[in-house]
């Protein structure tokens, strides 16, 4: 159960699998702030070291507009309706109706999905996951914001350079060997606490489609994404990534053999 990250604080992925009972394969109870999860890998030293990555001081957003995916891949989520009203000529106020918090760019809180066999993260009871309760809420990362070093892996650029563009129409699974090869080719250095961002090009491809093709892709239930595998989950945990992000419909890697992982 040695830690390849070198701090000795957490078990390896193999060590997670050796945990007993319903804890097997989980990170439950390992973090000093139980509801924070893997963003706990970002230490103060890691935040300070991230300053050294700044070269130009440029700032840019990574999010799409809330109404960008309409129609999108979800069968239920629709774009929000924006209303602006005025109480008097010098006043404007506004509100959103039908605003799905996962309808566009977003981060999943730990209450988003549960394991079928052992339940929500840290054994949180089902009846605690409802409106008005704080358990596993996104405020865990809002009150104490996630800030660290982001590493962008350009999978689309790597594959295009190999003369084999990613096949988005087929919903190609992108495996760990591809990700490792792109990291090596792009001379990227990975550190504990990194926020790993995977650029697949899927969003640009999907948003450029005419509406009827978007509907067809949605009905196919296929979208480019990371191939789900034990090897990838083990690699991500043992590398101590704080977060995984990607520009595709969904990045779902939080389950292995039905048990929740970071």
Protein backbone atom coordinates (compact mmCIF):
# COMPACT_ATOMS: atom_id res chain seq x y z
CA UNK A 1 0.00 0.00 0.00
CA UNK A 2 2.82 2.38 -0.77
CA UNK A 3 1.97 5.66 -2.41
CA UNK A 4 3.65 6.36 -5.79
CA UNK A 5 2.95 10.04 -5.21
CA UNK A 6 5.50 9.81 -2.43
CA UNK A 7 3.63 11.23 0.56
CA UNK A 8 2.61 7.94 2.22
CA UNK A 9 -0.74 9.40 3.25
CA UNK A 10 -3.08 7.40 1.05
CA UNK A 11 -3.10 3.79 -0.15
CA UNK A 12 -2.53 2.86 -3.76
CA UNK A 13 -5.46 1.71 -5.86
CA UNK A 14 -4.47 -1.88 -5.11
CA UNK A 15 -4.65 -0.92 -1.44
CA UNK A 16 -8.18 0.44 -1.93
CA UNK A 17 -9.26 -2.92 -3.29
CA UNK A 18 -7.85 -4.61 -0.19
CA UNK A 19 -10.08 -2.63 2.17
CA UNK A 20 -12.58 -4.80 4.00
CA UNK A 21 -16.31 -5.14 3.52
CA UNK A 22 -18.26 -2.36 1.87
CA UNK A 23 -15.14 -0.16 1.99
CA UNK A 24 -13.42 -2.34 -0.62
CA UNK A 25 -12.53 -0.28 -3.68
CA UNK A 26 -13.64 3.00 -2.10
CA UNK A 27 -11.92 6.07 -0.70
CA UNK A 28 -14.52 6.45 2.05
CA UNK A 29 -13.13 7.87 5.28
CA UNK A 30 -9.62 8.51 3.96
CA UNK A 31 -9.75 12.30 3.59
CA UNK A 32 -9.46 14.82 6.44
CA UNK A 33 -12.57 16.59 5.14
CA UNK A 34 -14.84 13.60 4.47
CA UNK A 35 -17.13 15.29 1.97
CA UNK A 36 -14.40 16.91 -0.10
CA UNK A 37 -13.06 13.83 -1.89
CA UNK A 38 -10.05 13.91 -4.19
CA UNK A 39 -9.71 17.74 -4.29
CA UNK A 40 -8.08 17.04 -0.91
CA UNK A 41 -5.02 16.02 -2.95
CA UNK A 42 -4.42 19.73 -3.67
CA UNK A 43 -2.20 20.89 -0.84
CA UNK A 44 -1.17 24.46 -0.04
CA UNK A 45 2.28 23.69 -1.43
CA UNK A 46 0.69 22.48 -4.68
CA UNK A 47 -1.27 25.73 -5.00
CA UNK A 48 1.86 27.80 -4.42
CA UNK A 49 3.81 25.73 -6.95
CA UNK A 50 1.05 26.28 -9.53
CA UNK A 51 1.98 29.98 -9.60
CA UNK A 52 5.16 29.06 -11.45
CA UNK A 53 3.10 27.92 -14.44
CA UNK A 54 1.89 31.46 -15.14
CA UNK A 55 3.65 33.01 -18.13
CA UNK A 56 1.41 35.67 -19.71
CA UNK A 57 -1.28 36.33 -17.12
CA UNK A 58 -4.02 35.76 -19.70
CA UNK A 59 -7.40 34.64 -18.32
CA UNK A 60 -10.02 32.70 -20.26
CA UNK A 61 -13.16 30.73 -19.49
CA UNK A 62 -13.63 27.03 -20.05
CA UNK A 63 -17.42 26.93 -19.86
CA UNK A 64 -20.07 26.87 -22.59
CA UNK A 65 -23.19 29.07 -22.38
CA UNK A 66 -26.03 27.55 -20.36
CA UNK A 67 -28.13 27.21 -23.53
CA UNK A 68 -25.37 25.89 -25.84
CA UNK A 69 -26.63 22.30 -25.96
CA UNK A 70 -30.19 22.64 -27.23
CA UNK A 71 -30.80 20.03 -28.45
CA UNK A 72 -28.09 18.18 -26.57
CA UNK A 73 -27.38 14.59 -25.66
CA UNK A 74 -29.73 14.47 -22.68
CA UNK A 75 -33.28 13.24 -23.22
CA UNK A 76 -34.64 15.44 -20.40
CA UNK A 77 -32.48 18.54 -20.00
CA UNK A 78 -33.49 21.60 -21.97
CA UNK A 79 -32.02 25.07 -22.26
CA UNK A 80 -33.16 27.47 -19.53
CA UNK A 81 -35.61 30.28 -20.26
CA UNK A 82 -34.23 33.69 -19.34
CA UNK A 83 -36.70 36.37 -18.21
CA UNK A 84 -35.81 40.03 -17.66
CA UNK A 85 -38.35 42.29 -16.00
CA UNK A 86 -38.54 45.86 -14.75
CA UNK A 87 -40.27 47.39 -11.75
CA UNK A 88 -39.59 50.94 -12.99
CA UNK A 89 -37.65 52.53 -15.89
CA UNK A 90 -34.32 52.59 -14.02
CA UNK A 91 -34.50 48.96 -12.87
CA UNK A 92 -33.84 45.55 -14.41
CA UNK A 93 -33.91 42.13 -12.76
CA UNK A 94 -33.88 38.64 -14.20
CA UNK A 95 -34.38 34.97 -13.45
CA UNK A 96 -34.07 31.56 -15.09
CA UNK A 97 -36.76 28.91 -15.48
CA UNK A 98 -35.97 25.28 -16.25
CA UNK A 99 -32.28 25.68 -15.43
CA UNK A 100 -30.71 22.23 -15.34
CA UNK A 101 -27.48 22.53 -13.40
CA UNK A 102 -25.92 19.82 -15.58
CA UNK A 103 -27.30 21.08 -18.86
CA UNK A 104 -24.00 22.60 -19.99
CA UNK A 105 -20.49 22.91 -18.52
CA UNK A 106 -20.61 21.70 -14.92
CA UNK A 107 -18.92 19.68 -12.20
CA UNK A 108 -20.67 16.76 -10.53
CA UNK A 109 -21.09 16.87 -6.79
CA UNK A 110 -20.65 13.63 -4.88
CA UNK A 111 -24.43 13.34 -4.49
CA UNK A 112 -24.97 13.02 -8.25
CA UNK A 113 -24.66 9.22 -8.41
CA UNK A 114 -24.73 6.35 -5.94
CA UNK A 115 -23.42 2.80 -6.18
CA UNK A 116 -26.21 0.27 -6.59
CA UNK A 117 -24.84 -2.04 -3.91
CA UNK A 118 -23.29 0.18 -1.23
CA UNK A 119 -25.01 3.54 -1.72
CA UNK A 120 -23.80 7.13 -1.73
CA UNK A 121 -20.25 8.29 -1.01
CA UNK A 122 -19.08 7.76 2.57
CA UNK A 123 -22.21 5.69 3.23
CA UNK A 124 -24.45 8.75 3.24
CA UNK A 125 -28.08 7.55 3.65
CA UNK A 126 -30.36 7.93 0.64
CA UNK A 127 -32.85 10.05 2.60
CA UNK A 128 -30.16 12.68 3.20
CA UNK A 129 -29.81 13.38 -0.52
CA UNK A 130 -32.68 15.80 -1.06
CA UNK A 131 -33.43 19.51 -1.27
CA UNK A 132 -32.29 21.49 1.76
CA UNK A 133 -29.71 19.03 3.11
CA UNK A 134 -25.96 19.76 3.00
CA UNK A 135 -24.74 16.17 2.72
CA UNK A 136 -22.31 15.72 -0.22
CA UNK A 137 -23.48 19.04 -1.62
CA UNK A 138 -21.54 21.09 -4.15
CA UNK A 139 -21.01 23.72 -1.44
CA UNK A 140 -18.13 21.51 -0.25
CA UNK A 141 -16.16 22.87 -3.22
CA UNK A 142 -17.77 26.31 -3.36
CA UNK A 143 -17.14 27.34 0.25
CA UNK A 144 -13.57 26.07 0.00
CA UNK A 145 -12.88 26.57 -3.73
CA UNK A 146 -10.90 24.15 -5.85
CA UNK A 147 -7.77 25.90 -7.09
CA UNK A 148 -4.67 24.21 -8.41
CA UNK A 149 -2.57 23.31 -11.39
CA UNK A 150 -4.44 22.38 -14.55
CA UNK A 151 -2.84 20.10 -17.14
CA UNK A 152 -4.40 20.01 -20.61
CA UNK A 153 -3.92 16.86 -22.69
CA UNK A 154 -4.84 17.51 -26.32
CA UNK A 155 -6.10 14.13 -27.47
CA UNK A 156 -7.72 15.58 -30.58
CA UNK A 157 -4.50 17.27 -31.67
CA UNK A 158 -2.43 14.17 -30.99
CA UNK A 159 -4.70 11.87 -32.99
CA UNK A 160 -4.96 14.36 -35.86
CA UNK A 161 -1.17 14.52 -35.93
CA UNK A 162 -1.10 10.73 -36.22
CA UNK A 163 -3.36 10.92 -39.26
CA UNK A 164 -6.19 9.16 -37.41
CA UNK A 165 -8.75 11.73 -36.19
CA UNK A 166 -11.05 10.70 -33.34
CA UNK A 167 -14.25 9.14 -34.70
CA UNK A 168 -16.87 11.20 -32.86
CA UNK A 169 -19.79 9.96 -34.97
CA UNK A 170 -19.09 6.42 -33.74
CA UNK A 171 -18.64 7.51 -30.12
CA UNK A 172 -15.08 6.26 -29.98
CA UNK A 173 -13.78 5.08 -26.57
CA UNK A 174 -10.42 6.70 -25.75
CA UNK A 175 -8.24 4.32 -23.80
CA UNK A 176 -5.43 4.82 -21.32
CA UNK A 177 -2.74 3.95 -23.85
CA UNK A 178 -3.89 6.87 -26.03
CA UNK A 179 -3.91 9.27 -23.10
CA UNK A 180 -0.44 8.19 -22.00
CA UNK A 181 0.88 8.49 -25.55
CA UNK A 182 -0.49 12.03 -25.90
CA UNK A 183 1.00 13.03 -22.55
CA UNK A 184 4.40 11.76 -23.62
CA UNK A 185 4.23 13.33 -27.08
CA UNK A 186 3.26 16.69 -25.58
CA UNK A 187 6.04 16.51 -22.95
CA UNK A 188 3.62 17.00 -20.06
CA UNK A 189 4.69 16.55 -16.45
CA UNK A 190 2.05 15.24 -14.05
CA UNK A 191 2.10 16.02 -10.33
CA UNK A 192 -0.05 15.01 -7.34
CA UNK A 193 -3.03 17.33 -6.99
CA UNK A 194 -3.20 18.15 -10.71
CA UNK A 195 -6.51 18.88 -12.42
CA UNK A 196 -6.34 16.72 -15.56
CA UNK A 197 -8.22 18.14 -18.55
CA UNK A 198 -8.75 16.04 -21.67
CA UNK A 199 -9.46 17.83 -24.95
CA UNK A 200 -11.26 15.46 -27.31
CA UNK A 201 -12.84 17.99 -29.68
CA UNK A 202 -16.27 16.39 -29.22
CA UNK A 203 -18.07 19.59 -28.21
CA UNK A 204 -16.88 21.55 -31.23
CA UNK A 205 -17.85 18.62 -33.46
CA UNK A 206 -21.31 18.19 -31.90
CA UNK A 207 -22.20 21.88 -31.78
CA UNK A 208 -21.33 22.26 -35.48
CA UNK A 209 -23.90 19.60 -36.46
CA UNK A 210 -27.32 20.59 -37.85
CA UNK A 211 -30.23 20.01 -35.43
CA UNK A 212 -31.39 16.80 -37.12
CA UNK A 213 -27.92 15.26 -36.80
CA UNK A 214 -27.74 16.26 -33.15
CA UNK A 215 -31.03 14.44 -32.59
CA UNK A 216 -29.68 11.39 -34.42
CA UNK A 217 -26.51 11.31 -32.31
CA UNK A 218 -28.56 11.75 -29.15
CA UNK A 219 -30.84 8.87 -30.12
CA UNK A 220 -27.81 6.65 -30.79
CA UNK A 221 -26.74 7.09 -27.14
CA UNK A 222 -23.11 7.16 -28.28
CA UNK A 223 -20.60 9.88 -27.48
CA UNK A 224 -16.82 10.00 -27.49
CA UNK A 225 -15.38 9.49 -24.03
CA UNK A 226 -12.72 7.86 -21.89
CA UNK A 227 -12.93 4.08 -22.13
CA UNK A 228 -14.04 2.80 -18.73
CA UNK A 229 -11.49 0.44 -17.30
CA UNK A 230 -9.95 -0.56 -14.01
CA UNK A 231 -6.55 0.42 -15.41
CA UNK A 232 -7.64 4.01 -16.00
CA UNK A 233 -9.20 4.37 -12.55
CA UNK A 234 -6.07 2.88 -10.93
CA UNK A 235 -3.83 5.23 -12.94
CA UNK A 236 -5.89 8.30 -12.02
CA UNK A 237 -5.97 7.42 -8.31
CA UNK A 238 -2.30 6.49 -8.08
CA UNK A 239 -1.37 9.73 -9.84
CA UNK A 240 -3.39 11.59 -7.17
CA UNK A 241 -5.39 13.66 -9.65
CA UNK A 242 -7.67 16.06 -7.83
CA UNK A 243 -10.17 16.28 -10.68
CA UNK A 244 -10.76 14.88 -14.15
CA UNK A 245 -12.40 17.03 -16.80
CA UNK A 246 -13.18 16.54 -20.48
CA UNK A 247 -14.99 18.31 -23.32
CA UNK A 248 -17.46 15.55 -24.08
CA UNK A 249 -21.02 14.72 -23.05
CA UNK A 250 -20.11 12.99 -19.81
CA UNK A 251 -17.00 11.89 -17.97
CA UNK A 252 -18.19 8.95 -15.89
CA UNK A 253 -15.33 7.17 -14.15
CA UNK A 254 -16.56 7.18 -10.59
CA UNK A 255 -17.68 3.55 -10.51
CA UNK A 256 -15.80 0.28 -10.51
CA UNK A 257 -17.52 -3.02 -9.87
CA UNK A 258 -20.49 -1.03 -8.58
CA UNK A 259 -18.47 0.68 -5.86
CA UNK A 260 -17.87 4.43 -5.71
CA UNK A 261 -14.38 5.70 -6.28
CA UNK A 262 -13.00 9.25 -6.15
